[in-house]
């Protein structure tokens, strides 16, 4: 019984870790503010895709944003990874 529980636990942890590894920057760092219905009024994924026609345009806009909410995310590498996730 102990071996079965240990095996199930190991399998569960493996599945959880592999799922986290597949999540992109958008899903881990951006979606919290940019999801539909968020009270922060950040543009949604669809709004961003409609407004900015390329990943480079989105990165440029993110880097030049004056919003205090964007300060923590105004790192070019983070914005490039997130834009790459969106424009796949």
N, C-alpha and C. Protein backbone atom coordinates (compact mmCIF):
# COMPACT_ATOMS: atom_id res chain seq x y z
N UNK A 1 0.82 -1.18 0.00
CA UNK A 1 0.00 0.00 0.00
C UNK A 1 0.87 1.26 0.00
N UNK A 2 1.93 1.27 0.81
CA UNK A 2 2.82 2.42 0.87
C UNK A 2 3.49 2.65 -0.49
N UNK A 3 3.85 1.55 -1.15
CA UNK A 3 4.49 1.67 -2.45
C UNK A 3 3.52 2.28 -3.47
N UNK A 4 2.26 1.90 -3.41
CA UNK A 4 1.24 2.43 -4.32
C UNK A 4 1.06 3.93 -4.08
N UNK A 5 0.99 4.33 -2.83
CA UNK A 5 0.83 5.75 -2.50
C UNK A 5 2.05 6.55 -2.96
N UNK A 6 3.23 6.02 -2.74
CA UNK A 6 4.46 6.70 -3.16
C UNK A 6 4.50 6.83 -4.68
N UNK A 7 4.09 5.80 -5.38
CA UNK A 7 4.07 5.83 -6.84
C UNK A 7 3.06 6.86 -7.34
N UNK A 8 1.88 6.90 -6.73
CA UNK A 8 0.86 7.86 -7.13
C UNK A 8 1.32 9.30 -6.86
N UNK A 9 1.98 9.51 -5.73
CA UNK A 9 2.50 10.83 -5.39
C UNK A 9 3.56 11.26 -6.40
N UNK A 10 4.46 10.37 -6.72
CA UNK A 10 5.52 10.67 -7.68
C UNK A 10 4.93 11.00 -9.05
N UNK A 11 3.94 10.25 -9.47
CA UNK A 11 3.28 10.49 -10.75
C UNK A 11 2.57 11.84 -10.74
N UNK A 12 1.88 12.15 -9.65
CA UNK A 12 1.19 13.43 -9.54
C UNK A 12 2.16 14.60 -9.62
N UNK A 13 3.27 14.49 -8.92
CA UNK A 13 4.27 15.56 -8.95
C UNK A 13 4.88 15.72 -10.34
N UNK A 14 5.12 14.61 -11.01
CA UNK A 14 5.67 14.66 -12.36
C UNK A 14 4.71 15.38 -13.31
N UNK A 15 3.44 15.06 -13.22
CA UNK A 15 2.44 15.70 -14.07
C UNK A 15 2.34 17.19 -13.75
N UNK A 16 2.36 17.54 -12.49
CA UNK A 16 2.26 18.95 -12.09
C UNK A 16 3.46 19.74 -12.58
N UNK A 17 4.65 19.21 -12.43
CA UNK A 17 5.86 19.91 -12.85
C UNK A 17 5.92 20.03 -14.36
N UNK A 18 5.53 19.00 -15.08
CA UNK A 18 5.58 19.07 -16.54
C UNK A 18 4.57 20.08 -17.06
N UNK A 19 3.45 20.22 -16.41
CA UNK A 19 2.46 21.22 -16.81
C UNK A 19 2.97 22.62 -16.58
N UNK A 20 3.69 22.85 -15.51
CA UNK A 20 4.23 24.17 -15.23
C UNK A 20 5.32 24.52 -16.23
N UNK A 21 6.10 23.55 -16.64
CA UNK A 21 7.18 23.81 -17.58
C UNK A 21 6.65 24.22 -18.94
N UNK A 22 5.45 23.81 -19.28
CA UNK A 22 4.88 24.13 -20.58
C UNK A 22 4.20 25.49 -20.59
N UNK A 23 3.92 26.06 -19.47
CA UNK A 23 3.25 27.36 -19.42
C UNK A 23 4.24 28.44 -19.85
N UNK A 24 3.78 29.31 -20.73
CA UNK A 24 4.64 30.37 -21.24
C UNK A 24 4.62 31.59 -20.34
N UNK A 25 5.41 32.57 -20.72
CA UNK A 25 5.51 33.81 -19.95
C UNK A 25 4.16 34.50 -19.85
N UNK A 26 3.41 34.52 -20.96
CA UNK A 26 2.09 35.17 -20.92
C UNK A 26 1.24 34.53 -19.83
N UNK A 27 1.22 33.19 -19.78
CA UNK A 27 0.39 32.47 -18.82
C UNK A 27 0.87 32.57 -17.39
N UNK A 28 2.14 32.82 -17.20
CA UNK A 28 2.66 32.86 -15.83
C UNK A 28 2.85 34.27 -15.28
N UNK A 29 3.08 35.25 -16.16
CA UNK A 29 3.39 36.60 -15.66
C UNK A 29 2.40 37.68 -16.09
N UNK A 30 1.64 37.44 -17.15
CA UNK A 30 0.81 38.51 -17.72
C UNK A 30 -0.69 38.31 -17.53
N UNK A 31 -1.12 37.07 -17.60
CA UNK A 31 -2.55 36.78 -17.63
C UNK A 31 -3.27 37.28 -16.37
N UNK A 32 -2.57 37.37 -15.27
CA UNK A 32 -3.21 37.82 -14.03
C UNK A 32 -3.86 39.19 -14.16
N UNK A 33 -3.23 40.09 -14.88
CA UNK A 33 -3.79 41.43 -15.08
C UNK A 33 -4.55 41.55 -16.40
N UNK A 34 -4.18 40.77 -17.39
CA UNK A 34 -4.73 40.93 -18.73
C UNK A 34 -5.84 39.94 -19.09
N UNK A 35 -6.42 39.28 -18.09
CA UNK A 35 -7.50 38.33 -18.39
C UNK A 35 -8.83 39.07 -18.54
N UNK A 36 -9.74 38.44 -19.27
CA UNK A 36 -11.08 39.02 -19.45
C UNK A 36 -11.74 39.24 -18.09
N UNK A 37 -12.38 40.37 -17.93
CA UNK A 37 -13.13 40.65 -16.72
C UNK A 37 -12.31 41.12 -15.54
N UNK A 38 -11.03 41.37 -15.72
CA UNK A 38 -10.19 41.82 -14.61
C UNK A 38 -10.55 43.26 -14.25
N UNK A 39 -10.67 43.53 -12.98
CA UNK A 39 -11.04 44.86 -12.49
C UNK A 39 -9.93 45.89 -12.70
N UNK A 40 -8.72 45.44 -13.01
CA UNK A 40 -7.62 46.39 -13.21
C UNK A 40 -7.73 47.15 -14.53
N UNK A 41 -8.60 46.71 -15.39
CA UNK A 41 -8.83 47.35 -16.69
C UNK A 41 -7.62 47.28 -17.61
N UNK A 42 -6.78 46.30 -17.44
CA UNK A 42 -5.68 46.08 -18.37
C UNK A 42 -6.26 45.49 -19.65
N UNK A 43 -5.70 45.82 -20.81
CA UNK A 43 -6.24 45.27 -22.06
C UNK A 43 -6.14 43.74 -22.06
N UNK A 44 -7.15 43.11 -22.62
CA UNK A 44 -7.16 41.65 -22.71
C UNK A 44 -6.23 41.19 -23.83
N UNK A 45 -6.00 39.90 -23.87
CA UNK A 45 -5.19 39.30 -24.93
C UNK A 45 -5.73 39.68 -26.30
N UNK A 46 -7.03 39.54 -26.50
CA UNK A 46 -7.64 39.87 -27.79
C UNK A 46 -7.48 41.35 -28.13
N UNK A 47 -7.62 42.21 -27.14
CA UNK A 47 -7.46 43.64 -27.38
C UNK A 47 -6.02 43.97 -27.78
N UNK A 48 -5.07 43.34 -27.12
CA UNK A 48 -3.66 43.57 -27.45
C UNK A 48 -3.35 43.05 -28.86
N UNK A 49 -3.85 41.87 -29.19
CA UNK A 49 -3.61 41.31 -30.52
C UNK A 49 -4.26 42.17 -31.60
N UNK A 50 -5.39 42.78 -31.30
CA UNK A 50 -6.05 43.65 -32.26
C UNK A 50 -5.34 44.98 -32.45
N UNK A 51 -4.76 45.48 -31.38
CA UNK A 51 -4.13 46.80 -31.43
C UNK A 51 -2.71 46.74 -31.99
N UNK A 52 -1.95 45.72 -31.60
CA UNK A 52 -0.55 45.62 -32.01
C UNK A 52 -0.42 44.48 -33.01
N UNK A 53 0.03 44.79 -34.19
CA UNK A 53 0.03 43.82 -35.29
C UNK A 53 1.25 42.90 -35.30
N UNK A 54 2.21 43.14 -34.42
CA UNK A 54 3.38 42.27 -34.36
C UNK A 54 3.90 42.18 -32.93
N UNK A 55 4.71 41.18 -32.69
CA UNK A 55 5.32 41.01 -31.37
C UNK A 55 6.22 42.20 -31.04
N UNK A 56 6.96 42.69 -32.05
CA UNK A 56 7.84 43.84 -31.82
C UNK A 56 7.06 45.09 -31.41
N UNK A 57 5.91 45.30 -32.04
CA UNK A 57 5.08 46.46 -31.69
C UNK A 57 4.57 46.35 -30.26
N UNK A 58 4.20 45.15 -29.86
CA UNK A 58 3.72 44.93 -28.49
C UNK A 58 4.84 45.18 -27.47
N UNK A 59 6.03 44.69 -27.77
CA UNK A 59 7.17 44.89 -26.86
C UNK A 59 7.47 46.39 -26.73
N UNK A 60 7.48 47.09 -27.85
CA UNK A 60 7.75 48.52 -27.84
C UNK A 60 6.72 49.26 -26.98
N UNK A 61 5.45 48.91 -27.16
CA UNK A 61 4.39 49.55 -26.37
C UNK A 61 4.53 49.22 -24.89
N UNK A 62 4.85 47.99 -24.57
CA UNK A 62 5.03 47.61 -23.17
C UNK A 62 6.19 48.33 -22.51
N UNK A 63 7.27 48.48 -23.26
CA UNK A 63 8.45 49.16 -22.71
C UNK A 63 8.20 50.65 -22.51
N UNK A 64 7.33 51.24 -23.32
CA UNK A 64 7.09 52.68 -23.20
C UNK A 64 5.84 53.01 -22.38
N UNK A 65 5.19 51.99 -21.85
CA UNK A 65 3.98 52.21 -21.06
C UNK A 65 4.27 53.06 -19.82
N UNK A 66 3.38 53.98 -19.55
CA UNK A 66 3.51 54.83 -18.36
C UNK A 66 2.69 54.29 -17.19
N UNK A 67 1.99 53.21 -17.41
CA UNK A 67 1.15 52.62 -16.36
C UNK A 67 2.01 52.12 -15.20
N UNK A 68 1.69 52.52 -13.99
CA UNK A 68 2.45 52.01 -12.83
C UNK A 68 2.31 50.50 -12.67
N UNK A 69 1.23 49.94 -13.19
CA UNK A 69 1.02 48.49 -13.10
C UNK A 69 2.01 47.72 -13.98
N UNK A 70 2.56 48.37 -14.99
CA UNK A 70 3.49 47.72 -15.91
C UNK A 70 4.94 47.80 -15.45
N UNK A 71 5.22 48.59 -14.44
CA UNK A 71 6.60 48.80 -14.00
C UNK A 71 7.33 47.49 -13.72
N UNK A 72 6.68 46.58 -13.04
CA UNK A 72 7.34 45.31 -12.68
C UNK A 72 7.62 44.44 -13.90
N UNK A 73 6.90 44.67 -14.98
CA UNK A 73 7.04 43.84 -16.18
C UNK A 73 7.82 44.52 -17.29
N UNK A 74 8.32 45.69 -17.05
CA UNK A 74 9.02 46.42 -18.11
C UNK A 74 10.47 45.98 -18.23
N UNK A 75 10.62 44.70 -18.51
CA UNK A 75 11.92 44.11 -18.80
C UNK A 75 11.80 43.56 -20.21
N UNK A 76 12.69 43.98 -21.08
CA UNK A 76 12.55 43.64 -22.50
C UNK A 76 12.50 42.14 -22.74
N UNK A 77 13.31 41.37 -22.01
CA UNK A 77 13.30 39.92 -22.23
C UNK A 77 11.96 39.30 -21.84
N UNK A 78 11.36 39.78 -20.76
CA UNK A 78 10.05 39.26 -20.32
C UNK A 78 8.98 39.62 -21.34
N UNK A 79 9.00 40.87 -21.81
CA UNK A 79 8.01 41.29 -22.80
C UNK A 79 8.18 40.54 -24.11
N UNK A 80 9.41 40.28 -24.52
CA UNK A 80 9.64 39.53 -25.76
C UNK A 80 9.12 38.10 -25.64
N UNK A 81 9.36 37.47 -24.49
CA UNK A 81 8.85 36.11 -24.30
C UNK A 81 7.32 36.08 -24.31
N UNK A 82 6.70 37.04 -23.65
CA UNK A 82 5.25 37.11 -23.62
C UNK A 82 4.69 37.38 -25.01
N UNK A 83 5.31 38.29 -25.75
CA UNK A 83 4.85 38.60 -27.11
C UNK A 83 5.01 37.38 -28.02
N UNK A 84 6.07 36.65 -27.85
CA UNK A 84 6.28 35.42 -28.64
C UNK A 84 5.16 34.42 -28.33
N UNK A 85 4.77 34.32 -27.06
CA UNK A 85 3.65 33.42 -26.70
C UNK A 85 2.37 33.84 -27.41
N UNK A 86 2.12 35.14 -27.48
CA UNK A 86 0.87 35.64 -28.06
C UNK A 86 0.83 35.53 -29.58
N UNK A 87 1.94 35.74 -30.22
CA UNK A 87 1.97 35.80 -31.68
C UNK A 87 2.45 34.50 -32.32
N UNK A 88 2.25 33.38 -31.66
CA UNK A 88 2.62 32.07 -32.22
C UNK A 88 1.71 31.74 -33.37
